[in-house]
Amino acid sequence: MTAKPNKIYKILTSEQWKSLQSAGFFEGAPIDLEDGYIHFSTAAQLKETVSKHFKNQSDLILVSVNTDRLGDELKYEPSRGCDLFPHLYSKLDQSAIIAATVLQEDGTGGHIIPENLYA
């Protein structure tokens, strides 16, 4: 990855989203807390992330985050298939969130990724 994207994405449960809104920040899902950083995906990585980690789950919120607001705590590190994934080594402050969208289910256990992410 040569140019870093200005938006990255996090999938939250509706409970995690409500907690973030109430607290003003998000410290991470259980896997994030276990790994020591918050996992994100770029637009190009999102479809596979949703399919691999969120199949057959409902009430999911897709959160769009402005990378410029995350500072030096955002790192791009090799992960699935040696692709560079964004990892945040701090809490996610609500002020970095630029949009939140309910992920629609596709009727097969999967989800429909909004096409406007790629614009």
Protein backbone atom coordinates (compact mmCIF):
# COMPACT_ATOMS: atom_id res chain seq x y z
CA MET A 1 0.00 0.00 0.00
CA THR A 2 1.64 3.20 -1.11
CA ALA A 3 -0.92 5.83 -0.22
CA LYS A 4 -2.72 5.51 3.07
CA PRO A 5 -6.48 5.89 2.81
CA ASN A 6 -8.20 8.82 4.48
CA LYS A 7 -11.07 6.55 5.63
CA ILE A 8 -11.01 3.18 7.36
CA TYR A 9 -13.83 1.05 8.71
CA LYS A 10 -14.80 -0.75 11.89
CA ILE A 11 -17.75 -3.08 12.33
CA LEU A 12 -19.50 -2.82 15.68
CA THR A 13 -22.44 -4.57 17.23
CA SER A 14 -25.33 -2.28 18.03
CA GLU A 15 -24.44 -2.66 21.73
CA GLN A 16 -20.84 -1.61 21.09
CA TRP A 17 -22.11 1.37 19.05
CA LYS A 18 -24.44 2.47 21.86
CA SER A 19 -21.59 2.14 24.37
CA LEU A 20 -19.28 4.23 22.17
CA GLN A 21 -21.91 6.94 21.84
CA SER A 22 -22.48 6.99 25.58
CA ALA A 23 -18.80 6.99 26.58
CA GLY A 24 -17.48 9.10 23.68
CA PHE A 25 -14.86 6.47 22.84
CA PHE A 26 -14.42 2.78 22.04
CA GLU A 27 -11.67 0.69 23.59
CA GLY A 28 -12.27 -2.30 21.37
CA ALA A 29 -14.20 -5.50 20.82
CA PRO A 30 -13.04 -8.59 22.72
CA ILE A 31 -10.62 -9.57 19.91
CA ASP A 32 -9.20 -6.02 19.87
CA LEU A 33 -8.61 -6.05 23.62
CA GLU A 34 -6.98 -9.47 23.35
CA ASP A 35 -4.66 -8.36 20.53
CA GLY A 36 -3.79 -4.98 22.08
CA TYR A 37 -5.11 -2.80 19.24
CA ILE A 38 -8.36 -2.03 17.43
CA HIS A 39 -8.70 -3.85 14.11
CA PHE A 40 -9.91 -1.84 11.12
CA SER A 41 -10.28 -2.51 7.40
CA THR A 42 -9.76 -0.38 4.35
CA ALA A 43 -12.61 -0.17 1.81
CA ALA A 44 -10.85 -2.82 -0.30
CA GLN A 45 -10.56 -5.19 2.69
CA LEU A 46 -14.03 -4.68 4.12
CA LYS A 47 -16.02 -7.23 2.12
CA GLU A 48 -13.69 -10.08 3.11
CA THR A 49 -13.60 -8.92 6.74
CA VAL A 50 -17.40 -8.90 6.97
CA SER A 51 -17.66 -12.29 5.32
CA LYS A 52 -14.95 -13.90 7.43
CA HIS A 53 -15.75 -12.45 10.87
CA PHE A 54 -19.41 -11.37 10.87
CA LYS A 55 -21.35 -13.98 8.87
CA ASN A 56 -24.78 -14.76 10.33
CA GLN A 57 -24.61 -11.82 12.75
CA SER A 58 -27.29 -9.17 12.83
CA ASP A 59 -27.57 -5.64 14.19
CA LEU A 60 -24.15 -4.56 12.91
CA ILE A 61 -23.01 -0.98 12.46
CA LEU A 62 -20.39 0.01 9.90
CA VAL A 63 -18.38 2.92 11.28
CA SER A 64 -16.36 5.13 8.93
CA VAL A 65 -13.32 6.75 10.52
CA ASN A 66 -11.20 9.67 9.34
CA THR A 67 -7.58 8.47 9.51
CA ASP A 68 -6.28 12.05 9.80
CA ARG A 69 -7.86 12.23 13.26
CA LEU A 70 -6.10 9.13 14.62
CA GLY A 71 -2.51 10.38 14.70
CA ASP A 72 0.59 8.24 15.14
CA GLU A 73 -1.30 5.52 17.02
CA LEU A 74 -2.60 4.21 13.66
CA LYS A 75 -0.26 1.64 12.14
CA TYR A 76 -0.53 -0.42 8.96
CA GLU A 77 0.67 -3.94 9.64
CA PRO A 78 0.72 -7.22 7.69
CA SER A 79 -2.17 -9.53 8.41
CA ARG A 80 -4.43 -11.76 6.32
CA GLY A 81 -2.57 -12.64 3.12
CA CYS A 82 0.27 -10.25 4.08
CA ASP A 83 -2.05 -7.35 3.23
CA LEU A 84 -1.44 -4.22 5.33
CA PHE A 85 -4.33 -3.69 7.73
CA PRO A 86 -4.94 -0.57 9.83
CA HIS A 87 -4.51 -1.12 13.58
CA LEU A 88 -5.16 1.56 16.19
CA TYR A 89 -3.02 1.36 19.33
CA SER A 90 -5.30 3.59 21.38
CA LYS A 91 -8.98 4.01 21.99
CA LEU A 92 -11.16 5.22 19.14
CA ASP A 93 -12.43 8.67 20.00
CA GLN A 94 -15.93 9.48 18.76
CA SER A 95 -14.62 12.68 17.14
CA ALA A 96 -12.77 10.56 14.53
CA ILE A 97 -16.01 8.96 13.31
CA ILE A 98 -17.44 10.54 10.19
CA ALA A 99 -20.37 8.18 9.55
CA ALA A 100 -22.18 5.16 10.92
CA THR A 101 -24.41 2.94 8.80
CA VAL A 102 -26.52 -0.07 9.70
CA LEU A 103 -25.23 -3.02 7.67
CA GLN A 104 -28.10 -4.57 5.78
CA GLU A 105 -28.30 -8.36 5.70
CA ASP A 106 -28.45 -10.07 2.31
CA GLY A 107 -30.71 -13.01 3.29
CA THR A 108 -27.92 -15.60 3.11
CA GLY A 109 -26.14 -14.77 6.37
CA GLY A 110 -23.99 -12.16 4.67
CA HIS A 111 -24.19 -8.38 4.51
CA ILE A 112 -24.48 -5.74 1.82
CA ILE A 113 -21.52 -3.35 1.77
CA PRO A 114 -22.65 0.16 0.77
CA GLU A 115 -21.23 0.99 -2.66
CA ASN A 116 -20.52 4.62 -1.74
CA LEU A 117 -17.53 3.46 0.34
CA TYR A 118 -15.48 3.23 -2.81
CA ALA A 119 -16.22 6.75 -4.00
